[in-house]
Amino acid sequence: MDFCKSYINAGGGTSCGCAVEAMRLKKQVVEQFIMVTDEGENSAPYFVDADRNYCRSWGVILNVVSEQVMLEGMRQNHRHLAETEW
């Protein structure tokens, strides 16, 4: 997983549903999705909507495997939040 992280840059435009929607539009039917994500989804198409549309379009129930990654910038932000007194 560390090798994969070296190619990922967080830019604030995460859309976990974009690949699902693209595959639906291209009529590509699969049984499983494997996602590597920081789970900071903040742009449409959102995964939950794209997944629902995909499953309805093709009459399938997808098996979804999600691997959460935390990039260095996110680690620093989480540390800062953890140290903040509320």
N, C-alpha and C. Protein backbone atom coordinates (compact mmCIF):
# COMPACT_ATOMS: atom_id res chain seq x y z
N MET A 1 0.81 -1.18 0.00
CA MET A 1 0.00 0.00 0.00
C MET A 1 0.86 1.26 0.00
N ASP A 2 2.01 1.23 0.65
CA ASP A 2 2.87 2.40 0.67
C ASP A 2 3.30 2.81 -0.74
N PHE A 3 3.54 1.82 -1.60
CA PHE A 3 3.91 2.10 -2.98
C PHE A 3 2.80 2.88 -3.68
N CYS A 4 1.54 2.46 -3.47
CA CYS A 4 0.41 3.15 -4.10
C CYS A 4 0.28 4.58 -3.58
N LYS A 5 0.50 4.78 -2.30
CA LYS A 5 0.35 6.12 -1.72
C LYS A 5 1.31 7.12 -2.34
N SER A 6 2.44 6.66 -2.83
CA SER A 6 3.41 7.59 -3.39
C SER A 6 2.90 8.24 -4.68
N TYR A 7 1.86 7.69 -5.27
CA TYR A 7 1.29 8.23 -6.51
C TYR A 7 -0.01 9.00 -6.29
N ILE A 8 -0.45 9.11 -5.05
CA ILE A 8 -1.71 9.76 -4.75
C ILE A 8 -1.44 11.15 -4.19
N ASN A 9 -2.12 12.14 -4.74
CA ASN A 9 -2.03 13.51 -4.24
C ASN A 9 -3.41 14.00 -3.86
N ALA A 10 -3.58 14.44 -2.63
CA ALA A 10 -4.86 14.97 -2.19
C ALA A 10 -5.00 16.39 -2.70
N GLY A 11 -6.08 16.63 -3.45
CA GLY A 11 -6.28 17.96 -4.01
C GLY A 11 -7.64 18.55 -3.67
N GLY A 12 -8.41 17.85 -2.84
CA GLY A 12 -9.69 18.39 -2.40
C GLY A 12 -10.83 18.14 -3.37
N GLY A 13 -10.64 17.29 -4.37
CA GLY A 13 -11.70 17.04 -5.33
C GLY A 13 -12.10 15.58 -5.39
N THR A 14 -12.07 14.90 -4.26
CA THR A 14 -12.35 13.47 -4.24
C THR A 14 -13.80 13.18 -4.63
N SER A 15 -13.97 12.32 -5.61
CA SER A 15 -15.29 11.84 -6.02
C SER A 15 -15.18 10.34 -6.18
N CYS A 16 -15.58 9.62 -5.15
CA CYS A 16 -15.47 8.15 -5.18
C CYS A 16 -16.43 7.53 -6.20
N GLY A 17 -17.45 8.25 -6.59
CA GLY A 17 -18.42 7.70 -7.53
C GLY A 17 -18.09 7.93 -8.99
N CYS A 18 -17.06 8.70 -9.29
CA CYS A 18 -16.80 9.04 -10.70
C CYS A 18 -16.47 7.81 -11.54
N ALA A 19 -15.70 6.88 -11.03
CA ALA A 19 -15.38 5.68 -11.80
C ALA A 19 -16.60 4.78 -11.95
N VAL A 20 -17.42 4.70 -10.91
CA VAL A 20 -18.63 3.89 -10.97
C VAL A 20 -19.57 4.44 -12.03
N GLU A 21 -19.75 5.74 -12.04
CA GLU A 21 -20.64 6.37 -13.03
C GLU A 21 -20.08 6.21 -14.44
N ALA A 22 -18.78 6.37 -14.60
CA ALA A 22 -18.16 6.19 -15.92
C ALA A 22 -18.38 4.77 -16.43
N MET A 23 -18.25 3.78 -15.56
CA MET A 23 -18.45 2.39 -15.96
C MET A 23 -19.92 2.13 -16.30
N ARG A 24 -20.83 2.75 -15.57
CA ARG A 24 -22.25 2.60 -15.87
C ARG A 24 -22.56 3.16 -17.26
N LEU A 25 -22.04 4.34 -17.55
CA LEU A 25 -22.29 4.97 -18.84
C LEU A 25 -21.67 4.19 -20.00
N LYS A 26 -20.53 3.53 -19.73
CA LYS A 26 -19.87 2.72 -20.76
C LYS A 26 -20.41 1.29 -20.82
N LYS A 27 -21.43 1.02 -19.99
CA LYS A 27 -22.07 -0.30 -19.94
C LYS A 27 -21.09 -1.41 -19.58
N GLN A 28 -20.20 -1.10 -18.66
CA GLN A 28 -19.24 -2.08 -18.16
C GLN A 28 -19.79 -2.67 -16.86
N VAL A 29 -20.09 -3.94 -16.88
CA VAL A 29 -20.71 -4.59 -15.74
C VAL A 29 -19.67 -5.44 -15.00
N VAL A 30 -19.56 -5.21 -13.70
CA VAL A 30 -18.66 -5.97 -12.85
C VAL A 30 -19.40 -6.39 -11.59
N GLU A 31 -18.80 -7.24 -10.82
CA GLU A 31 -19.40 -7.70 -9.57
C GLU A 31 -18.75 -7.06 -8.36
N GLN A 32 -17.56 -6.48 -8.54
CA GLN A 32 -16.83 -5.97 -7.40
C GLN A 32 -16.05 -4.71 -7.76
N PHE A 33 -16.03 -3.76 -6.83
CA PHE A 33 -15.20 -2.57 -6.94
C PHE A 33 -14.19 -2.60 -5.79
N ILE A 34 -12.97 -2.22 -6.10
CA ILE A 34 -11.94 -2.06 -5.07
C ILE A 34 -11.52 -0.61 -5.12
N MET A 35 -11.72 0.10 -4.02
CA MET A 35 -11.41 1.53 -3.96
C MET A 35 -10.28 1.78 -2.98
N VAL A 36 -9.38 2.67 -3.35
CA VAL A 36 -8.37 3.18 -2.45
C VAL A 36 -8.69 4.65 -2.30
N THR A 37 -9.04 5.08 -1.11
CA THR A 37 -9.55 6.43 -0.92
C THR A 37 -9.19 6.97 0.45
N ASP A 38 -9.16 8.29 0.55
CA ASP A 38 -8.98 8.91 1.86
C ASP A 38 -10.33 9.11 2.54
N GLU A 39 -11.40 8.69 1.87
CA GLU A 39 -12.77 8.77 2.35
C GLU A 39 -13.20 10.20 2.62
N GLY A 40 -12.52 11.15 2.02
CA GLY A 40 -12.88 12.55 2.17
C GLY A 40 -13.67 13.02 0.96
N GLU A 41 -14.65 12.26 0.56
CA GLU A 41 -15.43 12.55 -0.64
C GLU A 41 -16.11 13.91 -0.52
N ASN A 42 -15.84 14.78 -1.50
CA ASN A 42 -16.42 16.12 -1.44
C ASN A 42 -16.83 16.66 -2.80
N SER A 43 -16.94 15.79 -3.79
CA SER A 43 -17.37 16.20 -5.13
C SER A 43 -18.27 15.12 -5.73
N ALA A 44 -19.25 15.57 -6.49
CA ALA A 44 -20.14 14.64 -7.18
C ALA A 44 -19.45 14.09 -8.42
N PRO A 45 -19.83 12.91 -8.86
CA PRO A 45 -20.88 12.06 -8.30
C PRO A 45 -20.40 11.35 -7.03
N TYR A 46 -21.25 11.37 -6.03
CA TYR A 46 -20.93 10.72 -4.77
C TYR A 46 -21.11 9.21 -4.90
N PHE A 47 -20.29 8.46 -4.18
CA PHE A 47 -20.29 7.01 -4.33
C PHE A 47 -21.65 6.40 -4.06
N VAL A 48 -22.32 6.81 -3.01
CA VAL A 48 -23.59 6.18 -2.66
C VAL A 48 -24.61 6.33 -3.79
N ASP A 49 -24.64 7.48 -4.44
CA ASP A 49 -25.57 7.71 -5.55
C ASP A 49 -25.15 6.91 -6.79
N ALA A 50 -23.86 6.93 -7.11
CA ALA A 50 -23.36 6.21 -8.28
C ALA A 50 -23.56 4.71 -8.12
N ASP A 51 -23.32 4.20 -6.92
CA ASP A 51 -23.51 2.77 -6.65
C ASP A 51 -24.97 2.38 -6.84
N ARG A 52 -25.86 3.19 -6.29
CA ARG A 52 -27.30 2.91 -6.41
C ARG A 52 -27.71 2.91 -7.89
N ASN A 53 -27.28 3.90 -8.66
CA ASN A 53 -27.63 3.97 -10.08
C ASN A 53 -27.05 2.80 -10.86
N TYR A 54 -25.81 2.43 -10.55
CA TYR A 54 -25.15 1.30 -11.22
C TYR A 54 -25.93 0.01 -10.97
N CYS A 55 -26.24 -0.24 -9.72
CA CYS A 55 -26.95 -1.48 -9.36
C CYS A 55 -28.33 -1.53 -10.00
N ARG A 56 -29.04 -0.41 -10.02
CA ARG A 56 -30.36 -0.38 -10.66
C ARG A 56 -30.25 -0.58 -12.16
N SER A 57 -29.25 0.03 -12.77
CA SER A 57 -29.10 -0.07 -14.23
C SER A 57 -28.82 -1.49 -14.69
N TRP A 58 -28.01 -2.22 -13.92
CA TRP A 58 -27.57 -3.54 -14.37
C TRP A 58 -28.15 -4.70 -13.56
N GLY A 59 -28.97 -4.40 -12.56
CA GLY A 59 -29.59 -5.46 -11.77
C GLY A 59 -28.59 -6.29 -11.00
N VAL A 60 -27.56 -5.64 -10.50
CA VAL A 60 -26.53 -6.34 -9.73
C VAL A 60 -26.42 -5.74 -8.34
N ILE A 61 -25.82 -6.48 -7.44
CA ILE A 61 -25.44 -5.97 -6.12
C ILE A 61 -23.93 -6.05 -6.07
N LEU A 62 -23.30 -4.91 -5.94
CA LEU A 62 -21.84 -4.86 -5.96
C LEU A 62 -21.22 -5.23 -4.63
N ASN A 63 -20.14 -5.94 -4.69
CA ASN A 63 -19.28 -6.16 -3.54
C ASN A 63 -18.24 -5.04 -3.58
N VAL A 64 -18.17 -4.24 -2.53
CA VAL A 64 -17.25 -3.10 -2.51
C VAL A 64 -16.19 -3.33 -1.44
N VAL A 65 -14.93 -3.26 -1.86
CA VAL A 65 -13.81 -3.34 -0.95
C VAL A 65 -13.17 -1.95 -0.92
N SER A 66 -13.07 -1.38 0.26
CA SER A 66 -12.52 -0.03 0.38
C SER A 66 -11.30 -0.05 1.28
N GLU A 67 -10.21 0.50 0.79
CA GLU A 67 -8.98 0.61 1.56
C GLU A 67 -8.75 2.08 1.84
N GLN A 68 -8.80 2.45 3.11
CA GLN A 68 -8.59 3.84 3.48
C GLN A 68 -7.10 4.13 3.58
N VAL A 69 -6.69 5.24 2.98
CA VAL A 69 -5.32 5.70 3.10
C VAL A 69 -5.34 7.09 3.72
N MET A 70 -4.30 7.37 4.47
CA MET A 70 -4.17 8.70 5.05
C MET A 70 -2.84 9.26 4.59
N LEU A 71 -2.90 10.33 3.84
CA LEU A 71 -1.69 10.95 3.33
C LEU A 71 -1.07 11.84 4.39
N GLU A 72 0.19 12.18 4.24
CA GLU A 72 0.91 12.93 5.27
C GLU A 72 0.21 14.23 5.67
N GLY A 73 -0.30 14.96 4.71
CA GLY A 73 -1.01 16.20 5.04
C GLY A 73 -2.23 15.96 5.91
N MET A 74 -2.90 14.85 5.67
CA MET A 74 -4.06 14.50 6.48
C MET A 74 -3.63 14.10 7.88
N ARG A 75 -2.51 13.39 8.01
CA ARG A 75 -2.01 13.00 9.33
C ARG A 75 -1.73 14.24 10.18
N GLN A 76 -1.10 15.23 9.57
CA GLN A 76 -0.77 16.45 10.30
C GLN A 76 -2.05 17.14 10.76
N ASN A 77 -3.05 17.20 9.89
CA ASN A 77 -4.30 17.83 10.25
C ASN A 77 -5.00 17.07 11.37
N HIS A 78 -5.00 15.74 11.31
CA HIS A 78 -5.61 14.94 12.37
C HIS A 78 -4.88 15.14 13.70
N ARG A 79 -3.54 15.20 13.64
CA ARG A 79 -2.77 15.46 14.87
C ARG A 79 -3.14 16.81 15.46
N HIS A 80 -3.25 17.82 14.60
CA HIS A 80 -3.60 19.17 15.06
C HIS A 80 -4.99 19.15 15.72
N LEU A 81 -5.95 18.49 15.10
CA LEU A 81 -7.29 18.42 15.67
C LEU A 81 -7.29 17.68 16.99
N ALA A 82 -6.49 16.63 17.09
CA ALA A 82 -6.43 15.84 18.32
C ALA A 82 -5.83 16.67 19.47
N GLU A 83 -4.92 17.59 19.13
CA GLU A 83 -4.27 18.40 20.14
C GLU A 83 -5.06 19.64 20.51
N THR A 84 -6.09 19.96 19.74
CA THR A 84 -6.90 21.15 19.99
C THR A 84 -7.83 20.90 21.17
N GLU A 85 -7.87 21.84 22.07
CA GLU A 85 -8.78 21.73 23.20
C GLU A 85 -10.14 22.26 22.77
N TRP A 86 -11.16 21.53 23.10
CA TRP A 86 -12.52 21.94 22.70
C TRP A 86 -13.20 22.64 23.84
